[in-house]
Amino acid sequence: EIDGEPATAWYRRFFTVDGHIAPMPETANRFPLIVEGPRPERQGLYRSMRFFDDPPGAVTYWGTVETGDHVRLGMGNDVSLVETASQRLAGASEGPPEAAILYSCVGREAVLGGKAGAEVAGIHEALGGVALSGFFTFGEIGPTPRGSFAYYNQTAMLVLLHEAGS
């Protein structure tokens, strides 16, 4: 249930045009569910839809959505994802890394479409052209603002590698 109505009905309100619901979960994954609390350790978690109306009336996500979570639909686009990924790298490291590994959620690939390569190119350029490798994942594990760890969807994680003492 979301806002007191079955989750499938809630989604139908947003994704029905001219009496036809958009293909699910493909369309919904361009607008991930974002958890905004009330528990601080859950704020900022993105959830991608896994199944819609299977079983009937149910929505299943990659990752948990708990009873009492406050949620909203996220909205991003390929241009903002590419720009944000490159901008976030500014000041991310003390000196240039020697190599980097990029883990990017397949949900991001769905939003980026043909611009997935532009995101990687932007990150590579922002890193100064160091060796960069990576792959698409079905979710990422990362820190929360409170110091614990959480399972994320629709994110990109970048590991910067430096040799000790260099």
N, C-alpha and C. Protein backbone atom coordinates (compact mmCIF):
# COMPACT_ATOMS: atom_id res chain seq x y z
N GLU A 1 0.83 -1.20 0.00
CA GLU A 1 0.00 0.00 0.00
C GLU A 1 0.87 1.25 0.00
N ILE A 2 0.45 2.24 -0.76
CA ILE A 2 1.11 3.54 -0.76
C ILE A 2 0.01 4.59 -0.63
N ASP A 3 0.15 5.48 0.33
CA ASP A 3 -0.85 6.53 0.57
C ASP A 3 -2.25 5.95 0.75
N GLY A 4 -2.33 4.79 1.41
CA GLY A 4 -3.63 4.21 1.72
C GLY A 4 -4.33 3.50 0.58
N GLU A 5 -3.67 3.32 -0.55
CA GLU A 5 -4.29 2.59 -1.66
C GLU A 5 -3.35 1.49 -2.13
N PRO A 6 -3.89 0.47 -2.77
CA PRO A 6 -3.00 -0.59 -3.27
C PRO A 6 -1.90 0.01 -4.15
N ALA A 7 -0.70 -0.53 -4.02
CA ALA A 7 0.44 0.02 -4.77
C ALA A 7 0.18 0.02 -6.27
N THR A 8 -0.49 -1.01 -6.79
CA THR A 8 -0.75 -1.03 -8.23
C THR A 8 -1.68 0.11 -8.64
N ALA A 9 -2.67 0.42 -7.80
CA ALA A 9 -3.59 1.53 -8.11
C ALA A 9 -2.84 2.86 -8.06
N TRP A 10 -1.94 3.01 -7.09
CA TRP A 10 -1.14 4.23 -6.95
C TRP A 10 -0.32 4.46 -8.22
N TYR A 11 0.36 3.42 -8.70
CA TYR A 11 1.15 3.54 -9.92
C TYR A 11 0.26 3.82 -11.13
N ARG A 12 -0.89 3.19 -11.19
CA ARG A 12 -1.79 3.42 -12.33
C ARG A 12 -2.18 4.90 -12.43
N ARG A 13 -2.34 5.58 -11.30
CA ARG A 13 -2.67 7.01 -11.32
C ARG A 13 -1.62 7.82 -12.06
N PHE A 14 -0.37 7.46 -11.90
CA PHE A 14 0.73 8.23 -12.49
C PHE A 14 1.10 7.78 -13.90
N PHE A 15 0.86 6.53 -14.21
CA PHE A 15 1.38 5.97 -15.46
C PHE A 15 0.29 5.53 -16.44
N THR A 16 -0.91 6.06 -16.31
CA THR A 16 -1.98 5.76 -17.25
C THR A 16 -2.24 6.98 -18.13
N VAL A 17 -2.20 6.77 -19.43
CA VAL A 17 -2.45 7.83 -20.40
C VAL A 17 -3.51 7.33 -21.38
N ASP A 18 -4.54 8.13 -21.56
CA ASP A 18 -5.63 7.77 -22.47
C ASP A 18 -6.20 6.38 -22.17
N GLY A 19 -6.30 6.07 -20.88
CA GLY A 19 -6.89 4.80 -20.47
C GLY A 19 -5.99 3.59 -20.55
N HIS A 20 -4.71 3.79 -20.91
CA HIS A 20 -3.77 2.68 -21.03
C HIS A 20 -2.59 2.90 -20.10
N ILE A 21 -2.27 1.87 -19.32
CA ILE A 21 -1.11 1.98 -18.44
C ILE A 21 0.16 1.70 -19.27
N ALA A 22 1.18 2.46 -18.98
CA ALA A 22 2.47 2.28 -19.65
C ALA A 22 3.04 0.91 -19.28
N PRO A 23 3.92 0.36 -20.11
CA PRO A 23 4.52 -0.95 -19.80
C PRO A 23 5.24 -0.92 -18.45
N MET A 24 4.90 -1.86 -17.62
CA MET A 24 5.52 -1.97 -16.30
C MET A 24 6.29 -3.28 -16.22
N PRO A 25 7.42 -3.36 -15.54
CA PRO A 25 8.04 -2.33 -14.73
C PRO A 25 8.97 -1.40 -15.51
N GLU A 26 9.12 -1.61 -16.81
CA GLU A 26 10.08 -0.83 -17.60
C GLU A 26 9.90 0.68 -17.42
N THR A 27 8.67 1.16 -17.51
CA THR A 27 8.43 2.60 -17.39
C THR A 27 8.71 3.09 -15.98
N ALA A 28 8.27 2.33 -14.98
CA ALA A 28 8.46 2.75 -13.59
C ALA A 28 9.94 2.85 -13.24
N ASN A 29 10.78 2.08 -13.86
CA ASN A 29 12.20 2.12 -13.53
C ASN A 29 12.88 3.41 -13.99
N ARG A 30 12.23 4.18 -14.83
CA ARG A 30 12.74 5.51 -15.17
C ARG A 30 12.40 6.51 -14.08
N PHE A 31 11.52 6.11 -13.15
CA PHE A 31 11.07 6.95 -12.04
C PHE A 31 11.16 6.11 -10.76
N PRO A 32 12.36 5.90 -10.23
CA PRO A 32 12.50 5.01 -9.08
C PRO A 32 11.76 5.54 -7.85
N LEU A 33 11.38 4.62 -6.99
CA LEU A 33 10.78 4.98 -5.72
C LEU A 33 11.91 5.42 -4.79
N ILE A 34 11.78 6.58 -4.17
CA ILE A 34 12.82 7.08 -3.27
C ILE A 34 12.26 7.08 -1.85
N VAL A 35 12.95 6.40 -0.95
CA VAL A 35 12.56 6.37 0.46
C VAL A 35 13.07 7.65 1.12
N GLU A 36 12.17 8.35 1.82
CA GLU A 36 12.55 9.61 2.47
C GLU A 36 12.38 9.58 3.98
N GLY A 37 12.30 8.43 4.56
CA GLY A 37 12.17 8.33 6.01
C GLY A 37 10.98 7.50 6.38
N PRO A 38 10.53 7.56 7.62
CA PRO A 38 10.96 8.50 8.64
C PRO A 38 12.27 8.12 9.32
N ARG A 39 12.71 6.86 9.18
CA ARG A 39 13.95 6.45 9.84
C ARG A 39 15.14 7.00 9.06
N PRO A 40 16.02 7.74 9.72
CA PRO A 40 17.15 8.38 9.03
C PRO A 40 18.02 7.40 8.23
N GLU A 41 18.21 6.19 8.75
CA GLU A 41 19.09 5.24 8.05
C GLU A 41 18.48 4.73 6.74
N ARG A 42 17.21 5.03 6.49
CA ARG A 42 16.57 4.60 5.24
C ARG A 42 16.42 5.74 4.25
N GLN A 43 16.73 6.96 4.65
CA GLN A 43 16.54 8.11 3.76
C GLN A 43 17.49 8.05 2.57
N GLY A 44 16.93 8.34 1.41
CA GLY A 44 17.75 8.40 0.20
C GLY A 44 17.95 7.07 -0.50
N LEU A 45 17.28 6.01 -0.04
CA LEU A 45 17.39 4.73 -0.73
C LEU A 45 16.51 4.76 -1.98
N TYR A 46 17.03 4.31 -3.08
CA TYR A 46 16.28 4.23 -4.33
C TYR A 46 15.84 2.78 -4.51
N ARG A 47 14.61 2.60 -4.97
CA ARG A 47 14.09 1.26 -5.22
C ARG A 47 13.55 1.16 -6.64
N SER A 48 14.06 0.17 -7.37
CA SER A 48 13.59 -0.11 -8.72
C SER A 48 12.54 -1.21 -8.66
N MET A 49 11.53 -1.08 -9.50
CA MET A 49 10.46 -2.07 -9.53
C MET A 49 10.95 -3.35 -10.21
N ARG A 50 10.63 -4.46 -9.58
CA ARG A 50 10.98 -5.77 -10.13
C ARG A 50 9.77 -6.39 -10.84
N PHE A 51 8.62 -6.41 -10.17
CA PHE A 51 7.39 -6.97 -10.73
C PHE A 51 6.23 -6.03 -10.46
N PHE A 52 5.31 -5.95 -11.39
CA PHE A 52 4.09 -5.15 -11.24
C PHE A 52 2.89 -6.06 -11.43
N ASP A 53 2.01 -6.07 -10.44
CA ASP A 53 0.76 -6.84 -10.48
C ASP A 53 1.03 -8.34 -10.60
N ASP A 54 2.10 -8.81 -10.00
CA ASP A 54 2.45 -10.22 -10.00
C ASP A 54 3.05 -10.59 -8.66
N PRO A 55 2.25 -11.13 -7.74
CA PRO A 55 0.85 -11.54 -7.88
C PRO A 55 -0.07 -10.33 -8.01
N PRO A 56 -1.31 -10.57 -8.46
CA PRO A 56 -2.25 -9.47 -8.68
C PRO A 56 -2.36 -8.52 -7.48
N GLY A 57 -2.25 -7.22 -7.77
CA GLY A 57 -2.36 -6.18 -6.75
C GLY A 57 -1.06 -5.83 -6.06
N ALA A 58 0.00 -6.59 -6.35
CA ALA A 58 1.27 -6.38 -5.65
C ALA A 58 2.31 -5.72 -6.55
N VAL A 59 3.21 -4.99 -5.90
CA VAL A 59 4.40 -4.44 -6.55
C VAL A 59 5.60 -4.97 -5.77
N THR A 60 6.58 -5.51 -6.48
CA THR A 60 7.78 -6.03 -5.85
C THR A 60 8.96 -5.19 -6.33
N TYR A 61 9.86 -4.85 -5.39
CA TYR A 61 11.02 -4.02 -5.71
C TYR A 61 12.30 -4.82 -5.54
N TRP A 62 13.36 -4.34 -6.18
CA TRP A 62 14.71 -4.85 -5.92
C TRP A 62 15.17 -4.13 -4.66
N GLY A 63 15.08 -4.74 -3.53
CA GLY A 63 15.38 -4.11 -2.25
C GLY A 63 14.09 -3.88 -1.48
N THR A 64 14.23 -3.67 -0.19
CA THR A 64 13.05 -3.58 0.68
C THR A 64 12.42 -2.20 0.67
N VAL A 65 11.10 -2.21 0.80
CA VAL A 65 10.32 -1.03 1.12
C VAL A 65 9.54 -1.45 2.36
N GLU A 66 9.81 -0.79 3.48
CA GLU A 66 9.24 -1.22 4.76
C GLU A 66 7.95 -0.49 5.06
N THR A 67 7.09 -1.15 5.82
CA THR A 67 5.87 -0.51 6.31
C THR A 67 6.26 0.74 7.08
N GLY A 68 5.63 1.85 6.76
CA GLY A 68 5.94 3.12 7.43
C GLY A 68 6.93 3.99 6.69
N ASP A 69 7.61 3.44 5.67
CA ASP A 69 8.52 4.26 4.86
C ASP A 69 7.74 5.37 4.18
N HIS A 70 8.29 6.57 4.14
CA HIS A 70 7.73 7.67 3.36
C HIS A 70 8.43 7.62 2.01
N VAL A 71 7.66 7.63 0.94
CA VAL A 71 8.25 7.46 -0.39
C VAL A 71 7.73 8.51 -1.37
N ARG A 72 8.49 8.69 -2.43
CA ARG A 72 8.06 9.54 -3.54
C ARG A 72 8.67 8.96 -4.81
N LEU A 73 8.14 9.38 -5.93
CA LEU A 73 8.72 8.96 -7.21
C LEU A 73 9.89 9.88 -7.55
N GLY A 74 10.98 9.30 -7.95
CA GLY A 74 12.12 10.08 -8.41
C GLY A 74 11.98 10.38 -9.88
N MET A 75 12.70 11.37 -10.30
CA MET A 75 12.65 11.72 -11.72
C MET A 75 14.04 12.17 -12.14
N GLY A 76 14.58 11.48 -13.08
CA GLY A 76 15.88 11.85 -13.61
C GLY A 76 15.83 11.75 -15.11
N ASN A 77 16.89 12.18 -15.72
CA ASN A 77 16.97 12.02 -17.17
C ASN A 77 18.41 11.74 -17.54
N ASP A 78 18.61 11.31 -18.76
CA ASP A 78 19.95 10.92 -19.17
C ASP A 78 20.96 12.05 -19.06
N VAL A 79 20.57 13.27 -19.37
CA VAL A 79 21.50 14.40 -19.31
C VAL A 79 21.91 14.68 -17.87
N SER A 80 20.95 14.74 -16.94
CA SER A 80 21.28 15.05 -15.55
C SER A 80 22.12 13.94 -14.93
N LEU A 81 21.87 12.68 -15.28
CA LEU A 81 22.67 11.59 -14.73
C LEU A 81 24.12 11.69 -15.18
N VAL A 82 24.34 11.97 -16.45
CA VAL A 82 25.70 12.08 -16.98
C VAL A 82 26.42 13.27 -16.34
N GLU A 83 25.76 14.42 -16.28
CA GLU A 83 26.38 15.62 -15.69
C GLU A 83 26.67 15.42 -14.21
N THR A 84 25.73 14.86 -13.47
CA THR A 84 25.92 14.67 -12.03
C THR A 84 27.07 13.72 -11.75
N ALA A 85 27.16 12.64 -12.50
CA ALA A 85 28.24 11.68 -12.29
C ALA A 85 29.60 12.35 -12.45
N SER A 86 29.76 13.18 -13.46
CA SER A 86 31.03 13.86 -13.69
C SER A 86 31.30 14.92 -12.62
N GLN A 87 30.28 15.69 -12.23
CA GLN A 87 30.45 16.75 -11.24
C GLN A 87 30.81 16.20 -9.86
N ARG A 88 30.25 15.07 -9.50
CA ARG A 88 30.50 14.50 -8.17
C ARG A 88 31.96 14.10 -7.97
N LEU A 89 32.68 13.92 -9.05
CA LEU A 89 34.07 13.52 -8.94
C LEU A 89 34.99 14.66 -8.52
N ALA A 90 34.57 15.88 -8.71
CA ALA A 90 35.41 17.03 -8.35
C ALA A 90 35.70 16.98 -6.85
N GLY A 91 36.96 16.91 -6.50
CA GLY A 91 37.35 16.88 -5.09
C GLY A 91 37.09 15.55 -4.41
N ALA A 92 36.82 14.49 -5.17
CA ALA A 92 36.50 13.19 -4.57
C ALA A 92 37.73 12.46 -4.06
N SER A 93 38.89 12.93 -4.40
CA SER A 93 40.10 12.20 -4.06
C SER A 93 41.23 13.16 -3.76
N GLU A 94 42.16 12.71 -2.93
CA GLU A 94 43.36 13.49 -2.66
C GLU A 94 44.41 13.10 -3.70
N GLY A 95 44.42 13.78 -4.79
CA GLY A 95 45.32 13.45 -5.88
C GLY A 95 44.66 12.46 -6.82
N PRO A 96 45.18 12.39 -8.03
CA PRO A 96 44.56 11.51 -9.02
C PRO A 96 44.75 10.04 -8.67
N PRO A 97 43.74 9.22 -8.90
CA PRO A 97 43.91 7.78 -8.65
C PRO A 97 44.76 7.16 -9.76
N GLU A 98 45.23 5.95 -9.50
CA GLU A 98 45.99 5.23 -10.52
C GLU A 98 45.08 4.39 -11.40
N ALA A 99 43.92 4.05 -10.86
CA ALA A 99 42.92 3.27 -11.60
C ALA A 99 41.58 3.44 -10.90
N ALA A 100 40.52 3.04 -11.57
CA ALA A 100 39.19 3.14 -10.99
C ALA A 100 38.31 2.00 -11.49
N ILE A 101 37.36 1.60 -10.64
CA ILE A 101 36.37 0.59 -11.00
C ILE A 101 35.00 1.21 -10.82
N LEU A 102 34.16 1.11 -11.85
CA LEU A 102 32.82 1.68 -11.83
C LEU A 102 31.79 0.56 -11.79
N TYR A 103 30.93 0.60 -10.76
CA TYR A 103 29.80 -0.32 -10.65
C TYR A 103 28.55 0.52 -10.89
N SER A 104 27.79 0.22 -11.92
CA SER A 104 26.61 1.01 -12.24
C SER A 104 25.40 0.11 -12.33
N CYS A 105 24.30 0.52 -11.71
CA CYS A 105 23.08 -0.28 -11.68
C CYS A 105 22.46 -0.37 -13.07
N VAL A 106 21.93 -1.55 -13.41
CA VAL A 106 21.26 -1.72 -14.70
C VAL A 106 20.07 -0.77 -14.82
N GLY A 107 19.52 -0.32 -13.70
CA GLY A 107 18.43 0.66 -13.74
C GLY A 107 18.90 1.97 -14.34
N ARG A 108 20.14 2.34 -14.07
CA ARG A 108 20.71 3.55 -14.68
C ARG A 108 20.86 3.35 -16.18
N GLU A 109 21.26 2.15 -16.57
CA GLU A 109 21.40 1.88 -18.00
C GLU A 109 20.06 2.05 -18.71
N ALA A 110 18.97 1.64 -18.04
CA ALA A 110 17.64 1.79 -18.64
C ALA A 110 17.30 3.26 -18.85
N VAL A 111 17.66 4.11 -17.89
CA VAL A 111 17.39 5.55 -18.01
C VAL A 111 18.32 6.18 -19.03
N LEU A 112 19.59 5.80 -18.99
CA LEU A 112 20.58 6.41 -19.88
C LEU A 112 20.45 5.97 -21.33
N GLY A 113 20.03 4.74 -21.53
CA GLY A 113 19.92 4.23 -22.90
C GLY A 113 21.23 4.38 -23.64
N GLY A 114 21.21 5.03 -24.78
CA GLY A 114 22.40 5.22 -25.60
C GLY A 114 23.44 6.15 -24.99
N LYS A 115 23.10 6.83 -23.90
CA LYS A 115 24.06 7.74 -23.29
C LYS A 115 24.85 7.10 -22.15
N ALA A 116 24.69 5.79 -21.94
CA ALA A 116 25.46 5.11 -20.90
C ALA A 116 26.95 5.29 -21.17
N GLY A 117 27.35 5.25 -22.42
CA GLY A 117 28.75 5.46 -22.77
C GLY A 117 29.21 6.87 -22.47
N ALA A 118 28.31 7.85 -22.60
CA ALA A 118 28.66 9.25 -22.29
C ALA A 118 28.92 9.41 -20.80
N GLU A 119 28.17 8.69 -19.97
CA GLU A 119 28.42 8.76 -18.53
C GLU A 119 29.81 8.22 -18.22
N VAL A 120 30.15 7.09 -18.79
CA VAL A 120 31.46 6.49 -18.56
C VAL A 120 32.55 7.42 -19.09
N ALA A 121 32.35 7.99 -20.26
CA ALA A 121 33.35 8.91 -20.83
C ALA A 121 33.52 10.14 -19.95
N GLY A 122 32.43 10.67 -19.41
CA GLY A 122 32.51 11.83 -18.52
C GLY A 122 33.27 11.52 -17.24
N ILE A 123 33.02 10.34 -16.69
CA ILE A 123 33.74 9.92 -15.48
C ILE A 123 35.22 9.72 -15.81
N HIS A 124 35.51 9.07 -16.92
CA HIS A 124 36.89 8.84 -17.33
C HIS A 124 37.64 10.15 -17.50
N GLU A 125 37.00 11.11 -18.13
CA GLU A 125 37.61 12.43 -18.33
C GLU A 125 37.83 13.13 -16.99
N ALA A 126 36.83 13.09 -16.10
CA ALA A 126 36.96 13.74 -14.80
C ALA A 126 38.07 13.11 -13.96
N LEU A 127 38.36 11.85 -14.21
CA LEU A 127 39.43 11.16 -13.49
C LEU A 127 40.80 11.40 -14.12
N GLY A 128 40.85 12.16 -15.18
CA GLY A 128 42.13 12.46 -15.82
C GLY A 128 42.60 11.36 -16.75
N GLY A 129 41.70 10.50 -17.18
CA GLY A 129 42.07 9.48 -18.15
C GLY A 129 42.74 8.25 -17.57
N VAL A 130 42.65 8.02 -16.26
CA VAL A 130 43.27 6.83 -15.66
C VAL A 130 42.55 5.58 -16.14
N ALA A 131 43.18 4.42 -15.92
CA ALA A 131 42.57 3.15 -16.29
C ALA A 131 41.23 3.00 -15.56
N LEU A 132 40.18 2.71 -16.32
CA LEU A 132 38.83 2.59 -15.77
C LEU A 132 38.20 1.32 -16.30
N SER A 133 37.65 0.54 -15.38
CA SER A 133 36.96 -0.68 -15.74
C SER A 133 35.67 -0.74 -14.93
N GLY A 134 34.76 -1.62 -15.29
CA GLY A 134 33.54 -1.73 -14.50
C GLY A 134 32.51 -2.61 -15.16
N PHE A 135 31.32 -2.61 -14.56
CA PHE A 135 30.24 -3.43 -15.07
C PHE A 135 28.92 -2.97 -14.49
N PHE A 136 27.82 -3.47 -15.09
CA PHE A 136 26.48 -3.18 -14.59
C PHE A 136 26.11 -4.22 -13.54
N THR A 137 25.41 -3.78 -12.51
CA THR A 137 25.02 -4.63 -11.40
C THR A 137 23.50 -4.58 -11.21
N PHE A 138 23.01 -5.43 -10.34
CA PHE A 138 21.59 -5.42 -9.96
C PHE A 138 21.45 -4.84 -8.57
N GLY A 139 22.09 -3.73 -8.30
CA GLY A 139 22.05 -3.08 -7.00
C GLY A 139 23.46 -2.96 -6.44
N GLU A 140 23.63 -2.04 -5.54
CA GLU A 140 24.94 -1.74 -4.98
C GLU A 140 24.82 -1.63 -3.46
N ILE A 141 25.90 -1.93 -2.77
CA ILE A 141 25.97 -1.78 -1.32
C ILE A 141 26.86 -0.58 -1.05
N GLY A 142 26.36 0.35 -0.24
CA GLY A 142 27.14 1.54 0.04
C GLY A 142 26.79 2.14 1.38
N PRO A 143 27.58 3.12 1.81
CA PRO A 143 27.34 3.74 3.11
C PRO A 143 26.13 4.66 3.10
N THR A 144 25.54 4.81 4.28
CA THR A 144 24.46 5.78 4.48
C THR A 144 25.05 6.99 5.19
N PRO A 145 24.34 8.10 5.22
CA PRO A 145 24.85 9.28 5.93
C PRO A 145 25.08 9.02 7.42
N ARG A 146 24.44 7.99 7.98
CA ARG A 146 24.57 7.68 9.41
C ARG A 146 25.70 6.71 9.71
N GLY A 147 26.44 6.27 8.68
CA GLY A 147 27.59 5.40 8.91
C GLY A 147 27.30 3.92 8.81
N SER A 148 26.06 3.52 8.56
CA SER A 148 25.77 2.11 8.33
C SER A 148 25.82 1.85 6.83
N PHE A 149 25.42 0.67 6.42
CA PHE A 149 25.42 0.33 5.00
C PHE A 149 24.03 -0.05 4.56
N ALA A 150 23.75 0.15 3.27
CA ALA A 150 22.43 -0.15 2.73
C ALA A 150 22.57 -0.70 1.32
N TYR A 151 21.51 -1.35 0.87
CA TYR A 151 21.40 -1.86 -0.49
C TYR A 151 20.74 -0.78 -1.33
N TYR A 152 21.39 -0.35 -2.39
CA TYR A 152 20.89 0.73 -3.24
C TYR A 152 20.50 0.20 -4.62
N ASN A 153 19.57 0.89 -5.26
CA ASN A 153 19.22 0.68 -6.67
C ASN A 153 19.48 1.99 -7.39
N GLN A 154 19.67 1.91 -8.70
CA GLN A 154 19.77 3.08 -9.57
C GLN A 154 20.93 4.01 -9.18
N THR A 155 22.00 3.43 -8.71
CA THR A 155 23.16 4.25 -8.33
C THR A 155 24.39 3.79 -9.11
N ALA A 156 25.42 4.58 -9.01
CA ALA A 156 26.72 4.21 -9.54
C ALA A 156 27.72 4.35 -8.40
N MET A 157 28.56 3.37 -8.25
CA MET A 157 29.61 3.39 -7.22
C MET A 157 30.95 3.38 -7.94
N LEU A 158 31.84 4.23 -7.48
CA LEU A 158 33.15 4.34 -8.10
C LEU A 158 34.21 4.06 -7.04
N VAL A 159 35.09 3.12 -7.33
CA VAL A 159 36.20 2.79 -6.43
C VAL A 159 37.46 3.39 -7.04
N LEU A 160 38.11 4.28 -6.29
CA LEU A 160 39.35 4.90 -6.76
C LEU A 160 40.52 4.17 -6.11
N LEU A 161 41.48 3.76 -6.90
CA LEU A 161 42.60 2.95 -6.42
C LEU A 161 43.89 3.75 -6.43
N HIS A 162 44.58 3.69 -5.29
CA HIS A 162 45.90 4.31 -5.12
C HIS A 162 46.82 3.26 -4.52
N GLU A 163 48.06 3.23 -4.95
CA GLU A 163 49.02 2.34 -4.33
C GLU A 163 49.48 2.98 -3.03
N ALA A 164 49.59 2.19 -1.98
CA ALA A 164 50.01 2.71 -0.68
C ALA A 164 51.38 3.36 -0.82
N GLY A 165 51.52 4.54 -0.23
CA GLY A 165 52.78 5.25 -0.23
C GLY A 165 53.06 6.02 -1.51
N SER A 166 52.12 6.04 -2.42
CA SER A 166 52.39 6.79 -3.67
C SER A 166 51.65 8.10 -3.67
